[in-house]
Amino acid sequence: MSKRTTLITGGNSGIGAAIGRALLAEGEAVVSLGLEMPDDRHDDLFGYTADLTDAAETADVAARICAAHQIDAIVHNAGLILPNLLEDADPADVLKLAQLHLAAPMALTQAALPGMVERGSGRIVFVSSRSMQGMPTRSAYSATKAGINGLARTWALELAPKGITVNVIAPGPVLTENFWAIVPKDGEQQKKIAGGIPVRRIGTAEDIANAALFFLDNRSSFVTGQVLFVCGGTSLAGQIS
């Protein structure tokens, strides 16, 4: 039997790379799709590059990946924030993030879906955000991340009879380069954010990888259409993420 292969968008860094490492450690194969090739090296790690905010480029790489690999699972982790207060927000940002957060995973899943249906099994996992509940400066980001919920629940209903599950992880603040692009690394703002989280720490990429492995596991076939907040309690307390 061939190894299960998971396609991870944004798999070259941060949360995506952590999920990939965890799967490789379990003896599975990983296809990383990002703006850059992964730094990690492994016999079962395959890298592709594409700008997923470009619809044509996304369609092209989806076809190339699915022609070269049997994709058994997809983790759509790639994301972009584009923060702005309402008065400075650009409506074009909504379209750009809708392509990245919603249309890109649709194109990738459509390319992989015939194989999943033929095999009678598959896993689709979205990495969304606690910010879907609302957060200052996140108009385009929160709106499109919230849209993931509707997409995932719809797909869960459509694909459940075919043995394919669809679930969502909603992280709170996580220590990645994306986080540090907005919050100075190890500075006072980072400490303030950590102190406001009920568990009193900021999450790690490995925290999110653990949740992804649960949804991807063959033993999780009775779990679909769910949103799991991996956020240290911020979704309960209404904290910033």
C-alpha atoms as a PDB file:
ATOM      1  CA  MET A   1       0.000   0.000   0.000  1.00  0.00           C
ATOM      2  CA  SER A   2       1.347   3.459  -0.937  1.00  0.00           C
ATOM      3  CA  LYS A   3       1.907   6.033   1.761  1.00  0.00           C
ATOM      4  CA  ARG A   4      -0.885   8.491   2.376  1.00  0.00           C
ATOM      5  CA  THR A   5      -0.031  11.870   0.866  1.00  0.00           C
ATOM      6  CA  THR A   6      -1.206  15.181   2.306  1.00  0.00           C
ATOM      7  CA  LEU A   7      -1.088  18.438   0.375  1.00  0.00           C
ATOM      8  CA  ILE A   8      -0.355  21.382   2.687  1.00  0.00           C
ATOM      9  CA  THR A   9      -0.671  24.961   1.481  1.00  0.00           C
ATOM     10  CA  GLY A  10       1.737  27.314   3.189  1.00  0.00           C
ATOM     11  CA  GLY A  11       3.681  24.159   3.965  1.00  0.00           C
ATOM     12  CA  ASN A  12       7.088  25.797   3.700  1.00  0.00           C
ATOM     13  CA  SER A  13       6.981  27.628   7.057  1.00  0.00           C
ATOM     14  CA  GLY A  14       5.218  28.130  10.380  1.00  0.00           C
ATOM     15  CA  ILE A  15       2.112  26.065  11.051  1.00  0.00           C
ATOM     16  CA  GLY A  16       2.204  24.361   7.659  1.00  0.00           C
ATOM     17  CA  ALA A  17       5.791  23.220   8.112  1.00  0.00           C
ATOM     18  CA  ALA A  18       4.991  21.926  11.610  1.00  0.00           C
ATOM     19  CA  ILE A  19       2.081  19.880  10.272  1.00  0.00           C
ATOM     20  CA  GLY A  20       4.303  18.521   7.518  1.00  0.00           C
ATOM     21  CA  ARG A  21       7.035  17.485   9.952  1.00  0.00           C
ATOM     22  CA  ALA A  22       4.497  15.727  12.155  1.00  0.00           C
ATOM     23  CA  LEU A  23       3.104  13.761   9.209  1.00  0.00           C
ATOM     24  CA  LEU A  24       6.559  12.842   7.940  1.00  0.00           C
ATOM     25  CA  ALA A  25       7.447  11.602  11.429  1.00  0.00           C
ATOM     26  CA  GLU A  26       4.447   9.261  11.209  1.00  0.00           C
ATOM     27  CA  GLY A  27       5.730   7.805   7.936  1.00  0.00           C
ATOM     28  CA  GLU A  28       3.432   9.703   5.604  1.00  0.00           C
ATOM     29  CA  ALA A  29       4.232  11.740   2.505  1.00  0.00           C
ATOM     30  CA  VAL A  30       3.746  15.491   2.214  1.00  0.00           C
ATOM     31  CA  VAL A  31       3.344  17.874  -0.720  1.00  0.00           C
ATOM     32  CA  SER A  32       4.207  21.424   0.337  1.00  0.00           C
ATOM     33  CA  LEU A  33       2.704  24.262  -1.698  1.00  0.00           C
ATOM     34  CA  GLY A  34       3.757  27.816  -0.903  1.00  0.00           C
ATOM     35  CA  LEU A  35       5.347  30.975  -2.177  1.00  0.00           C
ATOM     36  CA  GLU A  36       8.720  29.365  -1.494  1.00  0.00           C
ATOM     37  CA  MET A  37      10.113  25.857  -1.459  1.00  0.00           C
ATOM     38  CA  PRO A  38      10.387  24.236   1.976  1.00  0.00           C
ATOM     39  CA  ASP A  39      13.710  24.445   3.777  1.00  0.00           C
ATOM     40  CA  ASP A  40      13.209  20.946   5.188  1.00  0.00           C
ATOM     41  CA  ARG A  41      14.563  17.972   3.278  1.00  0.00           C
ATOM     42  CA  HIS A  42      13.011  14.499   3.327  1.00  0.00           C
ATOM     43  CA  ASP A  43      12.574  11.692   0.804  1.00  0.00           C
ATOM     44  CA  ASP A  44       8.802  11.921   1.225  1.00  0.00           C
ATOM     45  CA  LEU A  45       8.558  15.729   1.090  1.00  0.00           C
ATOM     46  CA  PHE A  46       7.761  17.274  -2.296  1.00  0.00           C
ATOM     47  CA  GLY A  47       7.782  21.028  -2.839  1.00  0.00           C
ATOM     48  CA  TYR A  48       5.831  23.237  -5.249  1.00  0.00           C
ATOM     49  CA  THR A  49       5.576  27.010  -5.488  1.00  0.00           C
ATOM     50  CA  ALA A  50       2.643  29.169  -6.551  1.00  0.00           C
ATOM     51  CA  ASP A  51       0.897  32.409  -5.682  1.00  0.00           C
ATOM     52  CA  LEU A  52      -2.510  31.236  -4.503  1.00  0.00           C
ATOM     53  CA  THR A  53      -3.927  34.753  -4.773  1.00  0.00           C
ATOM     54  CA  ASP A  54      -3.669  34.219  -8.551  1.00  0.00           C
ATOM     55  CA  ALA A  55      -6.537  32.053  -9.826  1.00  0.00           C
ATOM     56  CA  ALA A  56      -4.798  30.922 -13.025  1.00  0.00           C
ATOM     57  CA  GLU A  57      -1.592  30.044 -11.215  1.00  0.00           C
ATOM     58  CA  THR A  58      -3.585  28.116  -8.618  1.00  0.00           C
ATOM     59  CA  ALA A  59      -5.431  26.095 -11.259  1.00  0.00           C
ATOM     60  CA  ASP A  60      -2.171  25.274 -13.015  1.00  0.00           C
ATOM     61  CA  VAL A  61      -0.335  24.065  -9.906  1.00  0.00           C
ATOM     62  CA  ALA A  62      -3.391  22.090  -8.761  1.00  0.00           C
ATOM     63  CA  ALA A  63      -3.398  20.170 -12.038  1.00  0.00           C
ATOM     64  CA  ARG A  64       0.361  19.551 -11.893  1.00  0.00           C
ATOM     65  CA  ILE A  65       0.296  18.316  -8.315  1.00  0.00           C
ATOM     66  CA  CYS A  66      -2.632  15.961  -8.835  1.00  0.00           C
ATOM     67  CA  ALA A  67      -1.060  14.585 -12.025  1.00  0.00           C
ATOM     68  CA  ALA A  68       2.121  13.726 -10.126  1.00  0.00           C
ATOM     69  CA  HIS A  69       0.751  12.649  -6.736  1.00  0.00           C
ATOM     70  CA  GLN A  70      -2.151  10.722  -5.267  1.00  0.00           C
ATOM     71  CA  ILE A  71      -3.542  13.344  -2.873  1.00  0.00           C
ATOM     72  CA  ASP A  72      -5.374  11.695   0.021  1.00  0.00           C
ATOM     73  CA  ALA A  73      -5.754  14.753   2.247  1.00  0.00           C
ATOM     74  CA  ILE A  74      -5.551  18.532   1.976  1.00  0.00           C
ATOM     75  CA  VAL A  75      -4.642  21.011   4.689  1.00  0.00           C
ATOM     76  CA  HIS A  76      -5.374  24.551   3.544  1.00  0.00           C
ATOM     77  CA  ASN A  77      -3.179  26.579   5.839  1.00  0.00           C
ATOM     78  CA  ALA A  78      -1.946  29.439   3.618  1.00  0.00           C
ATOM     79  CA  GLY A  79      -3.202  32.794   4.813  1.00  0.00           C
ATOM     80  CA  LEU A  80      -2.638  36.524   4.618  1.00  0.00           C
ATOM     81  CA  ILE A  81      -3.864  39.237   7.004  1.00  0.00           C
ATOM     82  CA  LEU A  82      -3.654  42.672   5.247  1.00  0.00           C
ATOM     83  CA  PRO A  83      -4.615  44.607   8.419  1.00  0.00           C
ATOM     84  CA  ASN A  84      -6.312  47.998   8.232  1.00  0.00           C
ATOM     85  CA  LEU A  85      -8.904  49.950  10.177  1.00  0.00           C
ATOM     86  CA  LEU A  86     -12.154  50.402   8.273  1.00  0.00           C
ATOM     87  CA  GLU A  87     -11.398  53.922   7.073  1.00  0.00           C
ATOM     88  CA  ASP A  88      -8.176  52.701   5.471  1.00  0.00           C
ATOM     89  CA  ALA A  89      -9.415  49.318   4.218  1.00  0.00           C
ATOM     90  CA  ASP A  90      -9.233  48.578   0.506  1.00  0.00           C
ATOM     91  CA  PRO A  91     -12.206  46.652  -0.939  1.00  0.00           C
ATOM     92  CA  ALA A  92      -9.743  44.929  -3.287  1.00  0.00           C
ATOM     93  CA  ASP A  93      -8.258  43.215  -0.238  1.00  0.00           C
ATOM     94  CA  VAL A  94     -11.520  41.318   0.250  1.00  0.00           C
ATOM     95  CA  LEU A  95     -11.281  39.901  -3.256  1.00  0.00           C
ATOM     96  CA  LYS A  96      -7.619  39.012  -2.836  1.00  0.00           C
ATOM     97  CA  LEU A  97      -8.191  37.185   0.448  1.00  0.00           C
ATOM     98  CA  ALA A  98     -11.347  35.510  -0.859  1.00  0.00           C
ATOM     99  CA  GLN A  99      -9.210  34.019  -3.633  1.00  0.00           C
ATOM    100  CA  LEU A 100      -6.573  32.859  -1.148  1.00  0.00           C
ATOM    101  CA  HIS A 101      -8.792  31.630   1.690  1.00  0.00           C
ATOM    102  CA  LEU A 102     -11.786  30.329  -0.286  1.00  0.00           C
ATOM    103  CA  ALA A 103     -11.274  29.988  -4.037  1.00  0.00           C
ATOM    104  CA  ALA A 104      -7.769  28.488  -3.884  1.00  0.00           C
ATOM    105  CA  PRO A 105      -8.760  25.564  -1.634  1.00  0.00           C
ATOM    106  CA  MET A 106     -11.797  25.017  -3.849  1.00  0.00           C
ATOM    107  CA  ALA A 107      -9.580  24.663  -6.939  1.00  0.00           C
ATOM    108  CA  LEU A 108      -7.124  22.381  -5.153  1.00  0.00           C
ATOM    109  CA  THR A 109      -9.897  20.195  -3.722  1.00  0.00           C
ATOM    110  CA  GLN A 110     -11.657  19.953  -7.076  1.00  0.00           C
ATOM    111  CA  ALA A 111      -8.426  18.678  -8.621  1.00  0.00           C
ATOM    112  CA  ALA A 112      -7.896  16.048  -5.917  1.00  0.00           C
ATOM    113  CA  LEU A 113     -11.542  15.096  -5.421  1.00  0.00           C
ATOM    114  CA  PRO A 114     -11.946  12.464  -8.177  1.00  0.00           C
ATOM    115  CA  GLY A 115      -9.173  10.358  -6.633  1.00  0.00           C
ATOM    116  CA  MET A 116     -10.587  10.697  -3.131  1.00  0.00           C
ATOM    117  CA  VAL A 117     -14.049   9.712  -4.345  1.00  0.00           C
ATOM    118  CA  GLU A 118     -12.655   6.725  -6.241  1.00  0.00           C
ATOM    119  CA  ARG A 119     -10.826   5.521  -3.112  1.00  0.00           C
ATOM    120  CA  GLY A 120     -13.821   6.241  -0.875  1.00  0.00           C
ATOM    121  CA  SER A 121     -11.818   8.252   1.634  1.00  0.00           C
ATOM    122  CA  GLY A 122     -10.270  11.653   2.138  1.00  0.00           C
ATOM    123  CA  ARG A 123      -9.529  14.407   4.628  1.00  0.00           C
ATOM    124  CA  ILE A 124      -9.860  18.157   4.157  1.00  0.00           C
ATOM    125  CA  VAL A 125      -8.717  20.452   6.959  1.00  0.00           C
ATOM    126  CA  PHE A 126      -8.849  24.250   6.920  1.00  0.00           C
ATOM    127  CA  VAL A 127      -6.663  26.366   9.179  1.00  0.00           C
ATOM    128  CA  SER A 128      -8.848  29.386   9.864  1.00  0.00           C
ATOM    129  CA  SER A 129      -8.524  31.833  12.788  1.00  0.00           C
ATOM    130  CA  ARG A 130     -10.119  32.866  16.050  1.00  0.00           C
ATOM    131  CA  SER A 131     -10.330  36.261  14.325  1.00  0.00           C
ATOM    132  CA  MET A 132     -13.342  34.944  12.405  1.00  0.00           C
ATOM    133  CA  GLN A 133     -15.288  36.099  15.462  1.00  0.00           C
ATOM    134  CA  GLY A 134     -14.175  39.663  14.785  1.00  0.00           C
ATOM    135  CA  MET A 135     -11.083  41.714  15.564  1.00  0.00           C
ATOM    136  CA  PRO A 136     -10.077  45.333  14.961  1.00  0.00           C
ATOM    137  CA  THR A 137      -8.123  45.924  11.704  1.00  0.00           C
ATOM    138  CA  ARG A 138      -9.195  42.556  10.274  1.00  0.00           C
ATOM    139  CA  SER A 139     -12.117  43.412   7.943  1.00  0.00           C
ATOM    140  CA  ALA A 140     -10.972  41.387   4.913  1.00  0.00           C
ATOM    141  CA  TYR A 141      -9.226  38.714   6.975  1.00  0.00           C
ATOM    142  CA  SER A 142     -12.043  38.054   9.437  1.00  0.00           C
ATOM    143  CA  ALA A 143     -14.689  38.060   6.715  1.00  0.00           C
ATOM    144  CA  THR A 144     -12.916  35.549   4.514  1.00  0.00           C
ATOM    145  CA  LYS A 145     -11.817  33.364   7.421  1.00  0.00           C
ATOM    146  CA  ALA A 146     -15.441  33.295   8.618  1.00  0.00           C
ATOM    147  CA  GLY A 147     -16.421  32.263   5.100  1.00  0.00           C
ATOM    148  CA  ILE A 148     -14.335  29.137   5.547  1.00  0.00           C
ATOM    149  CA  ASN A 149     -16.901  27.873   8.052  1.00  0.00           C
ATOM    150  CA  GLY A 150     -19.709  27.959   5.520  1.00  0.00           C
ATOM    151  CA  LEU A 151     -17.530  26.383   2.864  1.00  0.00           C
ATOM    152  CA  ALA A 152     -16.386  23.582   5.170  1.00  0.00           C
ATOM    153  CA  ARG A 153     -19.853  22.781   6.508  1.00  0.00           C
ATOM    154  CA  THR A 154     -21.276  22.675   2.984  1.00  0.00           C
ATOM    155  CA  TRP A 155     -18.507  20.387   1.760  1.00  0.00           C
ATOM    156  CA  ALA A 156     -18.877  18.217   4.864  1.00  0.00           C
ATOM    157  CA  LEU A 157     -22.521  17.576   3.989  1.00  0.00           C
ATOM    158  CA  GLU A 158     -21.802  16.942   0.312  1.00  0.00           C
ATOM    159  CA  LEU A 159     -18.779  14.706   0.811  1.00  0.00           C
ATOM    160  CA  ALA A 160     -19.683  12.701   3.921  1.00  0.00           C
ATOM    161  CA  PRO A 161     -21.414   9.927   1.915  1.00  0.00           C
ATOM    162  CA  LYS A 162     -18.207   9.577  -0.105  1.00  0.00           C
ATOM    163  CA  GLY A 163     -16.043   8.911   2.970  1.00  0.00           C
ATOM    164  CA  ILE A 164     -14.474  12.382   2.949  1.00  0.00           C
ATOM    165  CA  THR A 165     -14.451  14.559   6.066  1.00  0.00           C
ATOM    166  CA  VAL A 166     -14.059  18.337   6.197  1.00  0.00           C
ATOM    167  CA  ASN A 167     -13.105  20.196   9.369  1.00  0.00           C
ATOM    168  CA  VAL A 168     -11.728  23.543  10.515  1.00  0.00           C
ATOM    169  CA  ILE A 169      -9.056  24.531  13.026  1.00  0.00           C
ATOM    170  CA  ALA A 170      -9.353  28.087  14.394  1.00  0.00           C
ATOM    171  CA  PRO A 171      -6.064  29.057  16.043  1.00  0.00           C
ATOM    172  CA  GLY A 172      -5.624  31.917  18.439  1.00  0.00           C
ATOM    173  CA  PRO A 173      -2.306  33.789  18.487  1.00  0.00           C
ATOM    174  CA  VAL A 174       0.555  31.547  17.405  1.00  0.00           C
ATOM    175  CA  LEU A 175       4.268  32.321  17.435  1.00  0.00           C
ATOM    176  CA  THR A 176       5.088  32.346  13.732  1.00  0.00           C
ATOM    177  CA  GLU A 177       6.735  34.795  11.347  1.00  0.00           C
ATOM    178  CA  ASN A 178       3.250  36.034  10.391  1.00  0.00           C
ATOM    179  CA  PHE A 179       2.613  36.902  14.049  1.00  0.00           C
ATOM    180  CA  TRP A 180       5.974  38.640  14.418  1.00  0.00           C
ATOM    181  CA  ALA A 181       5.369  40.614  11.238  1.00  0.00           C
ATOM    182  CA  ILE A 182       2.697  42.484  13.213  1.00  0.00           C
ATOM    183  CA  VAL A 183       3.887  42.099  16.821  1.00  0.00           C
ATOM    184  CA  PRO A 184       7.572  42.804  17.648  1.00  0.00           C
ATOM    185  CA  LYS A 185       9.290  39.553  18.621  1.00  0.00           C
ATOM    186  CA  ASP A 186       9.698  39.082  22.391  1.00  0.00           C
ATOM    187  CA  GLY A 187       8.612  42.683  23.012  1.00  0.00           C
ATOM    188  CA  GLU A 188       6.167  44.179  25.482  1.00  0.00           C
ATOM    189  CA  GLN A 189       3.202  43.782  23.142  1.00  0.00           C
ATOM    190  CA  GLN A 190       3.894  40.059  22.823  1.00  0.00           C
ATOM    191  CA  LYS A 191       4.095  39.740  26.610  1.00  0.00           C
ATOM    192  CA  LYS A 192       0.828  41.671  26.981  1.00  0.00           C
ATOM    193  CA  ILE A 193      -0.934  39.381  24.523  1.00  0.00           C
ATOM    194  CA  ALA A 194       0.360  36.287  26.338  1.00  0.00           C
ATOM    195  CA  GLY A 195      -0.821  37.688  29.661  1.00  0.00           C
ATOM    196  CA  GLY A 196      -4.317  38.226  28.293  1.00  0.00           C
ATOM    197  CA  ILE A 197      -4.733  34.621  27.140  1.00  0.00           C
ATOM    198  CA  PRO A 198      -6.470  32.390  29.709  1.00  0.00           C
ATOM    199  CA  VAL A 199      -3.699  29.762  29.568  1.00  0.00           C
ATOM    200  CA  ARG A 200      -1.130  32.580  29.907  1.00  0.00           C
ATOM    201  CA  ARG A 201       0.929  31.733  26.856  1.00  0.00           C
ATOM    202  CA  ILE A 202       0.876  32.198  23.109  1.00  0.00           C
ATOM    203  CA  GLY A 203       0.388  29.086  21.012  1.00  0.00           C
ATOM    204  CA  THR A 204       3.015  27.270  18.978  1.00  0.00           C
ATOM    205  CA  ALA A 205       2.870  25.799  15.499  1.00  0.00           C
ATOM    206  CA  GLU A 206       3.053  22.363  17.124  1.00  0.00           C
ATOM    207  CA  ASP A 207      -0.170  23.079  19.043  1.00  0.00           C
ATOM    208  CA  ILE A 208      -1.972  23.506  15.735  1.00  0.00           C
ATOM    209  CA  ALA A 209      -0.223  20.513  14.185  1.00  0.00           C
ATOM    210  CA  ASN A 210      -1.563  18.294  16.982  1.00  0.00           C
ATOM    211  CA  ALA A 211      -5.118  19.343  16.117  1.00  0.00           C
ATOM    212  CA  ALA A 212      -4.509  18.788  12.411  1.00  0.00           C
ATOM    213  CA  LEU A 213      -3.269  15.260  13.041  1.00  0.00           C
ATOM    214  CA  PHE A 214      -6.469  14.482  14.922  1.00  0.00           C
ATOM    215  CA  PHE A 215      -8.665  15.547  12.017  1.00  0.00           C
ATOM    216  CA  LEU A 216      -6.414  13.799   9.478  1.00  0.00           C
ATOM    217  CA  ASP A 217      -6.341  10.509  11.366  1.00  0.00           C
ATOM    218  CA  ASN A 218      -8.196   7.600   9.781  1.00  0.00           C
ATOM    219  CA  ARG A 219      -9.789   7.005  13.185  1.00  0.00           C
ATOM    220  CA  SER A 220     -11.526  10.400  12.995  1.00  0.00           C
ATOM    221  CA  SER A 221     -13.925   9.368  10.237  1.00  0.00           C
ATOM    222  CA  PHE A 222     -16.963  10.141  12.446  1.00  0.00           C
ATOM    223  CA  VAL A 223     -15.928  13.794  12.856  1.00  0.00           C
ATOM    224  CA  THR A 224     -16.903  16.205  10.080  1.00  0.00           C
ATOM    225  CA  GLY A 225     -18.168  19.756   9.686  1.00  0.00           C
ATOM    226  CA  GLN A 226     -16.605  20.859  12.970  1.00  0.00           C
ATOM    227  CA  VAL A 227     -14.657  23.965  14.031  1.00  0.00           C
ATOM    228  CA  LEU A 228     -12.018  23.359  16.713  1.00  0.00           C
ATOM    229  CA  PHE A 229     -10.674  26.455  18.457  1.00  0.00           C
ATOM    230  CA  VAL A 230      -7.029  25.914  19.401  1.00  0.00           C
ATOM    231  CA  CYS A 231      -6.639  29.252  21.065  1.00  0.00           C
ATOM    232  CA  GLY A 232      -5.725  28.945  24.733  1.00  0.00           C
ATOM    233  CA  GLY A 233      -9.248  29.984  25.681  1.00  0.00           C
ATOM    234  CA  THR A 234      -9.338  33.270  23.757  1.00  0.00           C
ATOM    235  CA  SER A 235     -12.527  32.307  21.942  1.00  0.00           C
ATOM    236  CA  LEU A 236     -14.241  32.011  25.342  1.00  0.00           C
ATOM    237  CA  ALA A 237     -12.866  35.178  26.844  1.00  0.00           C
ATOM    238  CA  GLY A 238     -13.082  37.309  23.709  1.00  0.00           C
ATOM    239  CA  GLN A 239      -9.374  38.012  23.710  1.00  0.00           C
ATOM    240  CA  ILE A 240      -7.301  39.361  20.833  1.00  0.00           C
ATOM    241  CA  SER A 241      -5.783  36.877  18.353  1.00  0.00           C
END
